[in-house]
Amino acid sequence: MLKPAAVAPDARVAVIAPASSSKPERLARGLEALRARGYDAEFGQFAQGRLAPYFSGTVEERLADLHAAFADPEVQAIFCTRGGYGSNYLLEDIDLDIIRENPKPLFGYSDMTAVQTWLLDQTGLVAFHGPMVAADFAVSGGVHDLSLDAALDGDLIVAGAAEGLRVLKPGRARGVMYGGCLSILTSCLGTRFAPQTEGKLLFLEDIGAKPYQIDRMLRQMVLAGKFDGVCGFIFGEMLDCASPGAPADLVEQVILRVLDWFDGPIAIGLRSGHVSHSNVTLPFGIEAELVLEDAPLLRYLEPAVQSE
């Protein structure tokens, strides 16, 4: 694995927009929140841009900000503004050598899943599925401080019932954490950027997908062999993934039915990614243990960064 260095409390951090544009007021609030934490936070050259119909800039501009943030020796961590759509345009031209030579935490989720899993699979760089500037830092209570600080300091992250974790199927599993936004992972299938989910402790989350759409995406992953050898499943909060008039637990029923062949533990509710509040940081690419017994627990077994 390629672990970045721990991030100092007063570190310089870059804010970039690899996908969609953001509302200026949310960018301003999010940047101020980063600075209030002590970080020397600055926007990338094109992070505040807008390009029709929904991008933050041209492919070249967005790629330039990504490369510049990694290459700048003064920058210790990188935060994305938001997801939305468009980071898949960057995949073909990302300079992986720049990433390998300058490993840094890159925070994002949603549309950023495609970039994060590609960098993890190709370079070994630990991915940081966690809060974004205009989406989470911009709102009060949007960030889960304990997991964010642990991820950047080199402490071990622990998440349980307080972070939304609930048991769907009991059991224990230990493995390398991996995953992200389900719809983005499935959109990469059939391409050379397809996620390497096999054999992992797999986290999956999404927003606004109806239960039958969750069913379809999970089945697509099954048919693509992407659940082969998976040792445990952790689903996110699955915010707004419901159908009017349907049972409140329909998504849970769908998950258990599609995965009825799976013998390992299955959890749901962990607030990371698209969440109602307090976005939990989950590093991918390092080992963790999922214990679904009386008190559900996800416990990381190694730090996400290298401490001196």
Protein backbone atom coordinates (compact mmCIF):
# COMPACT_ATOMS: atom_id res chain seq x y z
CA MET A 1 0.00 0.00 0.00
CA LEU A 2 0.98 3.60 -0.61
CA LYS A 3 0.24 5.53 2.56
CA PRO A 4 0.61 9.32 2.63
CA ALA A 5 2.27 11.11 5.51
CA ALA A 6 0.23 12.23 8.50
CA VAL A 7 -1.22 15.71 8.07
CA ALA A 8 -0.16 18.47 10.45
CA PRO A 9 -2.88 20.47 12.27
CA ASP A 10 -1.81 23.66 10.46
CA ALA A 11 -1.11 22.00 7.11
CA ARG A 12 -1.67 23.58 3.76
CA VAL A 13 -4.53 21.80 2.00
CA ALA A 14 -5.83 22.18 -1.54
CA VAL A 15 -9.50 22.34 -2.53
CA ILE A 16 -10.25 21.10 -6.06
CA ALA A 17 -13.35 20.37 -8.15
CA PRO A 18 -12.81 17.34 -10.39
CA ALA A 19 -16.51 17.01 -11.28
CA SER A 20 -19.44 19.43 -10.93
CA SER A 21 -19.48 23.10 -10.01
CA SER A 22 -20.70 24.29 -6.61
CA LYS A 23 -22.69 27.25 -5.35
CA PRO A 24 -20.28 30.07 -4.43
CA GLU A 25 -21.79 30.55 -0.98
CA ARG A 26 -21.30 26.89 -0.10
CA LEU A 27 -17.70 26.98 -1.32
CA ALA A 28 -17.04 30.04 0.83
CA ARG A 29 -18.56 28.46 3.94
CA GLY A 30 -16.72 25.18 3.40
CA LEU A 31 -13.37 26.90 2.91
CA GLU A 32 -13.91 28.97 6.04
CA ALA A 33 -14.73 25.79 8.00
CA LEU A 34 -11.45 24.20 6.88
CA ARG A 35 -9.56 27.31 7.93
CA ALA A 36 -11.36 27.35 11.29
CA ARG A 37 -9.87 23.90 11.90
CA GLY A 38 -6.42 25.42 11.52
CA TYR A 39 -5.68 24.42 7.92
CA ASP A 40 -4.14 26.78 5.41
CA ALA A 41 -6.81 25.99 2.84
CA GLU A 42 -6.77 27.40 -0.68
CA PHE A 43 -8.81 26.76 -3.82
CA GLY A 44 -7.18 25.26 -6.86
CA GLN A 45 -6.96 27.58 -9.86
CA PHE A 46 -10.16 26.26 -11.42
CA ALA A 47 -12.05 25.00 -8.35
CA GLN A 48 -14.58 27.83 -8.39
CA GLY A 49 -15.29 27.63 -12.10
CA ARG A 50 -18.54 26.88 -13.89
CA LEU A 51 -18.90 25.32 -17.33
CA ALA A 52 -22.20 24.38 -18.95
CA PRO A 53 -24.06 22.23 -18.41
CA TYR A 54 -22.79 21.16 -14.94
CA PHE A 55 -19.00 20.92 -14.84
CA SER A 56 -16.60 23.02 -12.78
CA GLY A 57 -14.32 23.49 -15.78
CA THR A 58 -12.95 21.84 -18.87
CA VAL A 59 -11.38 18.40 -18.59
CA GLU A 60 -7.96 20.02 -18.98
CA GLU A 61 -8.64 22.53 -16.19
CA ARG A 62 -9.96 19.97 -13.75
CA LEU A 63 -7.09 17.61 -14.49
CA ALA A 64 -4.57 20.43 -14.09
CA ASP A 65 -5.90 21.20 -10.60
CA LEU A 66 -5.70 17.53 -9.60
CA HIS A 67 -2.13 17.18 -10.83
CA ALA A 68 -1.06 20.52 -9.33
CA ALA A 69 -2.45 19.62 -5.91
CA PHE A 70 -0.55 16.33 -5.82
CA ALA A 71 2.65 17.81 -7.25
CA ASP A 72 2.81 20.84 -4.93
CA PRO A 73 5.26 19.92 -2.11
CA GLU A 74 3.57 22.42 0.23
CA VAL A 75 0.17 20.71 0.01
CA GLN A 76 -0.36 17.92 2.53
CA ALA A 77 -3.98 16.95 1.79
CA ILE A 78 -6.57 17.45 -0.92
CA PHE A 79 -10.31 17.97 -0.46
CA CYS A 80 -12.85 17.87 -3.27
CA THR A 81 -15.60 20.48 -3.38
CA ARG A 82 -18.39 18.05 -4.24
CA GLY A 83 -19.26 15.13 -6.49
CA GLY A 84 -22.08 15.56 -8.95
CA TYR A 85 -20.82 14.28 -12.29
CA GLY A 86 -17.77 14.49 -14.51
CA SER A 87 -14.71 12.98 -12.85
CA ASN A 88 -14.86 10.01 -15.24
CA TYR A 89 -13.63 12.36 -17.97
CA LEU A 90 -10.33 12.63 -16.09
CA LEU A 91 -9.58 8.92 -15.74
CA GLU A 92 -7.81 8.31 -19.05
CA ASP A 93 -5.31 11.13 -18.59
CA ILE A 94 -4.44 11.03 -14.90
CA ASP A 95 -0.65 10.93 -14.59
CA LEU A 96 -0.22 8.01 -12.19
CA ASP A 97 3.48 8.77 -11.75
CA ILE A 98 2.62 12.13 -10.17
CA ILE A 99 0.35 10.31 -7.73
CA ARG A 100 2.92 7.62 -6.90
CA GLU A 101 5.67 10.17 -6.32
CA ASN A 102 3.51 12.49 -4.20
CA PRO A 103 1.07 10.40 -2.13
CA LYS A 104 -1.48 12.54 -0.26
CA PRO A 105 -4.93 12.03 1.24
CA LEU A 106 -7.61 12.78 -1.35
CA PHE A 107 -11.01 13.25 0.28
CA GLY A 108 -14.22 12.68 -1.63
CA TYR A 109 -17.16 10.38 -2.34
CA SER A 110 -20.07 10.14 -4.77
CA ASP A 111 -18.72 10.81 -8.29
CA MET A 112 -15.18 10.81 -6.90
CA THR A 113 -15.44 7.06 -6.28
CA ALA A 114 -14.27 6.43 -9.85
CA VAL A 115 -11.07 8.42 -9.37
CA GLN A 116 -10.37 7.14 -5.86
CA THR A 117 -10.74 3.45 -6.74
CA TRP A 118 -8.65 3.89 -9.89
CA LEU A 119 -5.82 5.51 -7.93
CA LEU A 120 -6.06 2.85 -5.23
CA ASP A 121 -6.05 -0.02 -7.72
CA GLN A 122 -3.23 1.36 -9.88
CA THR A 123 -0.90 2.99 -7.36
CA GLY A 124 -1.94 1.54 -4.00
CA LEU A 125 -2.76 5.03 -2.67
CA VAL A 126 -5.09 4.80 0.31
CA ALA A 127 -8.45 6.37 -0.59
CA PHE A 128 -10.26 8.64 1.87
CA HIS A 129 -14.03 8.24 1.51
CA GLY A 130 -15.00 11.27 3.52
CA PRO A 131 -16.33 14.82 3.74
CA MET A 132 -16.22 17.33 0.90
CA VAL A 133 -16.00 21.10 1.13
CA ALA A 134 -19.28 22.36 -0.38
CA ALA A 135 -21.25 19.27 0.65
CA ASP A 136 -20.22 18.67 4.26
CA PHE A 137 -17.83 21.30 5.62
CA ALA A 138 -20.28 23.97 4.47
CA VAL A 139 -23.03 22.81 6.86
CA SER A 140 -23.14 22.73 10.63
CA GLY A 141 -22.56 19.20 11.93
CA GLY A 142 -21.69 17.91 8.48
CA VAL A 143 -18.37 16.31 9.45
CA HIS A 144 -17.63 13.46 11.85
CA ASP A 145 -14.63 14.96 13.62
CA LEU A 146 -13.31 11.84 15.36
CA SER A 147 -12.86 9.78 12.20
CA LEU A 148 -11.51 12.71 10.17
CA ASP A 149 -8.91 13.54 12.79
CA ALA A 150 -7.96 9.89 13.26
CA ALA A 151 -7.54 9.40 9.51
CA LEU A 152 -5.20 12.38 9.22
CA ASP A 153 -3.29 11.87 12.49
CA GLY A 154 -2.54 8.17 12.08
CA ASP A 155 -4.89 6.92 14.78
CA LEU A 156 -7.12 3.86 14.35
CA ILE A 157 -10.71 4.59 13.30
CA VAL A 158 -13.60 2.93 15.10
CA ALA A 159 -17.28 3.19 14.10
CA GLY A 160 -20.31 1.64 15.69
CA ALA A 161 -23.94 2.28 16.55
CA ALA A 162 -23.26 5.97 17.21
CA GLU A 163 -22.16 6.25 13.57
CA GLY A 164 -25.32 4.50 12.37
CA LEU A 165 -23.96 0.96 12.04
CA ARG A 166 -26.67 -1.72 12.33
CA VAL A 167 -26.71 -5.49 11.87
CA LEU A 168 -28.47 -7.08 8.91
CA LYS A 169 -26.73 -10.43 9.23
CA PRO A 170 -24.49 -11.25 12.20
CA GLY A 171 -20.93 -12.49 11.98
CA ARG A 172 -17.30 -11.42 11.87
CA ALA A 173 -15.00 -10.58 9.00
CA ARG A 174 -11.53 -9.18 8.57
CA GLY A 175 -10.18 -7.78 5.33
CA VAL A 176 -9.08 -4.79 3.27
CA MET A 177 -11.68 -2.02 3.21
CA TYR A 178 -12.83 -0.96 -0.26
CA GLY A 179 -15.84 0.54 -1.97
CA GLY A 180 -17.72 3.77 -2.47
CA CYS A 181 -20.83 4.92 -4.28
CA LEU A 182 -22.67 1.91 -5.70
CA SER A 183 -23.96 3.62 -8.85
CA ILE A 184 -20.47 4.88 -9.72
CA LEU A 185 -18.90 1.48 -9.14
CA THR A 186 -21.43 -0.19 -11.43
CA SER A 187 -20.99 2.53 -14.08
CA CYS A 188 -17.31 1.54 -14.37
CA LEU A 189 -18.01 -2.14 -15.06
CA GLY A 190 -16.93 -3.27 -18.51
CA THR A 191 -14.16 -0.66 -18.66
CA ARG A 192 -10.49 -0.83 -17.72
CA PHE A 193 -11.39 1.39 -14.77
CA ALA A 194 -13.66 -1.24 -13.21
CA PRO A 195 -13.22 -1.51 -9.43
CA GLN A 196 -11.25 -4.39 -7.94
CA THR A 197 -13.78 -5.32 -5.27
CA GLU A 198 -13.12 -9.04 -5.16
CA GLY A 199 -12.08 -10.43 -1.80
CA LYS A 200 -12.53 -7.15 0.05
CA LEU A 201 -14.46 -5.94 3.09
CA LEU A 202 -16.85 -3.97 0.93
CA PHE A 203 -18.58 -0.67 1.72
CA LEU A 204 -21.42 0.38 -0.59
CA GLU A 205 -23.62 3.47 -0.38
CA ASP A 206 -25.85 5.63 -2.55
CA ILE A 207 -28.53 8.31 -2.49
CA GLY A 208 -31.95 8.66 -4.08
CA ALA A 209 -31.98 5.23 -5.72
CA LYS A 210 -35.24 3.30 -5.53
CA PRO A 211 -35.09 -0.20 -4.03
CA TYR A 212 -35.48 -1.89 -7.42
CA GLN A 213 -32.55 0.17 -8.71
CA ILE A 214 -30.43 -0.94 -5.76
CA ASP A 215 -31.50 -4.50 -6.60
CA ARG A 216 -30.46 -4.06 -10.23
CA MET A 217 -27.05 -2.61 -9.39
CA LEU A 218 -26.28 -5.30 -6.83
CA ARG A 219 -27.29 -8.00 -9.32
CA GLN A 220 -25.05 -6.39 -11.94
CA MET A 221 -22.13 -6.58 -9.52
CA VAL A 222 -22.95 -10.23 -8.77
CA LEU A 223 -23.13 -11.13 -12.48
CA ALA A 224 -19.85 -9.30 -13.12
CA GLY A 225 -18.15 -11.42 -10.45
CA LYS A 226 -17.39 -8.36 -8.36
CA PHE A 227 -18.61 -9.95 -5.13
CA ASP A 228 -16.42 -13.03 -5.52
CA GLY A 229 -14.57 -13.68 -2.27
CA VAL A 230 -15.97 -10.61 -0.50
CA CYS A 231 -15.60 -11.25 3.23
CA GLY A 232 -18.20 -8.79 4.51
CA PHE A 233 -20.62 -6.11 3.35
CA ILE A 234 -21.21 -2.72 4.93
CA PHE A 235 -23.93 -0.55 3.44
CA GLY A 236 -24.21 3.17 4.07
CA GLU A 237 -27.13 5.21 5.30
CA MET A 238 -28.77 4.75 1.85
CA LEU A 239 -30.27 8.21 2.14
CA ASP A 240 -33.62 8.67 0.34
CA CYS A 241 -33.43 5.15 -1.13
CA ALA A 242 -37.13 4.44 -0.66
CA SER A 243 -40.34 4.13 -2.67
CA PRO A 244 -43.52 6.00 -1.69
CA GLY A 245 -45.95 3.67 0.05
CA ALA A 246 -43.44 0.83 0.26
CA PRO A 247 -42.25 -0.70 3.55
CA ALA A 248 -39.59 1.40 5.27
CA ASP A 249 -37.19 -1.56 5.31
CA LEU A 250 -37.58 -2.47 1.64
CA VAL A 251 -33.96 -1.66 0.81
CA GLU A 252 -32.86 -3.94 3.63
CA GLN A 253 -35.11 -6.70 2.29
CA VAL A 254 -33.62 -6.22 -1.19
CA ILE A 255 -30.05 -6.46 0.11
CA LEU A 256 -30.74 -9.64 2.06
CA ARG A 257 -32.52 -11.26 -0.89
CA VAL A 258 -29.87 -10.39 -3.49
CA LEU A 259 -27.15 -11.55 -1.09
CA ASP A 260 -29.04 -14.60 0.21
CA TRP A 261 -26.12 -16.80 -0.91
CA PHE A 262 -23.58 -14.87 1.17
CA ASP A 263 -22.43 -16.52 4.42
CA GLY A 264 -20.59 -13.58 5.95
CA PRO A 265 -21.69 -10.53 7.96
CA ILE A 266 -23.80 -7.74 6.46
CA ALA A 267 -24.23 -4.32 8.06
CA ILE A 268 -26.14 -1.19 7.06
CA GLY A 269 -26.54 2.40 8.15
CA LEU A 270 -22.93 3.56 8.46
CA ARG A 271 -22.93 7.32 7.79
CA SER A 272 -20.23 7.79 5.19
CA GLY A 273 -20.69 9.45 1.82
CA HIS A 274 -24.23 10.63 1.11
CA VAL A 275 -25.50 11.15 4.64
CA SER A 276 -27.98 13.17 6.63
CA HIS A 277 -25.27 14.52 8.97
CA SER A 278 -21.84 13.87 10.50
CA ASN A 279 -20.04 12.31 7.51
CA VAL A 280 -17.71 9.54 8.70
CA THR A 281 -14.28 9.19 7.07
CA LEU A 282 -13.54 5.65 5.87
CA PRO A 283 -10.08 4.96 4.43
CA PHE A 284 -10.00 2.28 1.73
CA GLY A 285 -7.05 0.03 1.01
CA ILE A 286 -6.15 -0.89 4.59
CA GLU A 287 -7.25 -3.67 6.92
CA ALA A 288 -10.27 -3.52 9.20
CA GLU A 289 -12.46 -5.88 11.17
CA LEU A 290 -16.27 -5.98 11.10
CA VAL A 291 -17.87 -7.42 14.22
CA LEU A 292 -21.65 -7.77 14.02
CA GLU A 293 -22.69 -9.18 17.35
CA ASP A 294 -24.49 -7.51 20.26
CA ALA A 295 -22.79 -4.19 19.63
CA PRO A 296 -21.96 -3.69 15.91
CA LEU A 297 -18.43 -2.44 15.35
CA LEU A 298 -16.14 -1.58 12.47
CA ARG A 299 -12.57 -1.38 13.76
CA TYR A 300 -9.56 -0.45 11.65
CA LEU A 301 -6.47 -2.52 12.29
CA GLU A 302 -3.91 -0.12 10.85
CA PRO A 303 -3.60 3.65 10.34
CA ALA A 304 -4.36 5.30 7.02
CA VAL A 305 -1.25 7.49 7.08
CA GLN A 306 2.40 7.16 8.02
CA SER A 307 3.40 8.86 11.22
CA GLU A 308 7.03 9.89 11.77
